[in-house]
Protein backbone atom coordinates (compact mmCIF):
# COMPACT_ATOMS: atom_id res chain seq x y z
CA UNK A 1 12.83 59.55 207.38
CA UNK A 2 14.12 56.07 208.16
CA UNK A 3 16.10 54.95 205.14
CA UNK A 4 18.65 52.19 205.29
CA UNK A 5 22.19 52.85 204.12
CA UNK A 6 21.62 51.38 200.65
CA UNK A 7 18.54 53.55 200.09
CA UNK A 8 20.50 56.61 201.18
CA UNK A 9 23.31 55.76 198.77
CA UNK A 10 20.87 55.23 195.89
CA UNK A 11 19.12 58.54 196.56
CA UNK A 12 22.47 60.35 196.69
CA UNK A 13 23.63 58.69 193.46
CA UNK A 14 20.41 59.67 191.69
CA UNK A 15 20.91 63.31 192.67
CA UNK A 16 24.59 63.25 191.72
CA UNK A 17 23.83 61.70 188.34
CA UNK A 18 21.78 64.79 187.52
CA UNK A 19 24.48 67.20 188.73
CA UNK A 20 27.57 65.93 186.88
CA UNK A 21 28.58 64.77 183.46
CA UNK A 22 28.17 61.10 182.72
CA UNK A 23 31.91 60.41 182.50
CA UNK A 24 32.63 61.78 185.97
CA UNK A 25 29.61 59.98 187.36
CA UNK A 26 30.66 56.68 185.77
CA UNK A 27 34.27 57.02 186.87
CA UNK A 28 33.80 58.31 190.40
CA UNK A 29 30.28 57.81 191.73
CA UNK A 30 28.63 54.83 190.05
CA UNK A 31 30.89 52.27 191.74
CA UNK A 32 30.96 53.82 195.19
CA UNK A 33 29.66 51.56 197.90
CA UNK A 34 28.55 52.34 201.42
CA UNK A 35 30.01 50.63 204.47
CA UNK A 36 28.10 52.28 207.27
CA UNK A 37 26.25 55.27 208.65
CA UNK A 38 26.94 55.91 212.32
CA UNK A 39 25.72 59.04 214.07
CA UNK A 40 27.03 61.79 211.80
CA UNK A 41 29.60 59.79 209.83
CA UNK A 42 29.09 58.07 206.50
CA UNK A 43 31.75 55.62 205.36
CA UNK A 44 31.94 55.10 201.59
CA UNK A 45 33.83 52.32 199.82
CA UNK A 46 36.09 53.05 196.85
CA UNK A 47 37.17 50.31 194.45
CA UNK A 48 40.85 51.32 194.17
CA UNK A 49 43.41 53.76 195.53
CA UNK A 50 42.99 55.94 192.42
CA UNK A 51 39.21 55.89 192.83
CA UNK A 52 39.54 56.87 196.52
CA UNK A 53 41.96 59.70 195.69
CA UNK A 54 39.69 61.06 192.94
CA UNK A 55 36.65 61.03 195.21
CA UNK A 56 38.50 62.71 198.07
CA UNK A 57 40.19 65.36 195.91
CA UNK A 58 37.55 66.17 193.33
CA UNK A 59 34.16 65.29 194.76
CA UNK A 60 34.31 65.35 198.54
CA UNK A 61 32.41 68.61 199.02
CA UNK A 62 29.74 67.71 196.47
CA UNK A 63 29.29 64.25 197.99
CA UNK A 64 29.14 65.62 201.52
CA UNK A 65 26.53 68.23 200.59
CA UNK A 66 24.48 65.64 198.72
CA UNK A 67 24.45 63.24 201.67
CA UNK A 68 23.55 66.11 204.02
CA UNK A 69 20.59 66.87 201.78
CA UNK A 70 19.48 63.22 201.64
CA UNK A 71 19.75 62.50 205.37
CA UNK A 72 18.67 66.02 206.35
CA UNK A 73 21.48 66.59 208.86
CA UNK A 74 25.16 67.42 208.96
CA UNK A 75 27.53 64.57 208.33
CA UNK A 76 31.16 63.78 207.75
CA UNK A 77 32.36 61.46 205.01
CA UNK A 78 35.16 58.94 205.11
CA UNK A 79 36.27 57.06 202.00
CA UNK A 80 37.95 53.71 202.49
CA UNK A 81 39.33 51.15 200.08
CA UNK A 82 37.29 48.05 199.36
CA UNK A 83 39.79 45.78 201.10
CA UNK A 84 40.15 47.87 204.31
């Protein structure tokens, strides 16, 4: 499967939307961006420090497992702020 990073993000978001309540999705997932996918590392972009903290504390494992499912291999996630 040769998906570009935006297609991978959209597939992951579609799966996550089905797995969580709409408020959590809207607050934490809907506005996530994707910076890059290199080897086994996916770099996501959060909109604010609070957004980044929420994603890392509350959703990291779910996001990581979802991306592993989408790209069909193990991966590590990093969440950065939009301005980094």
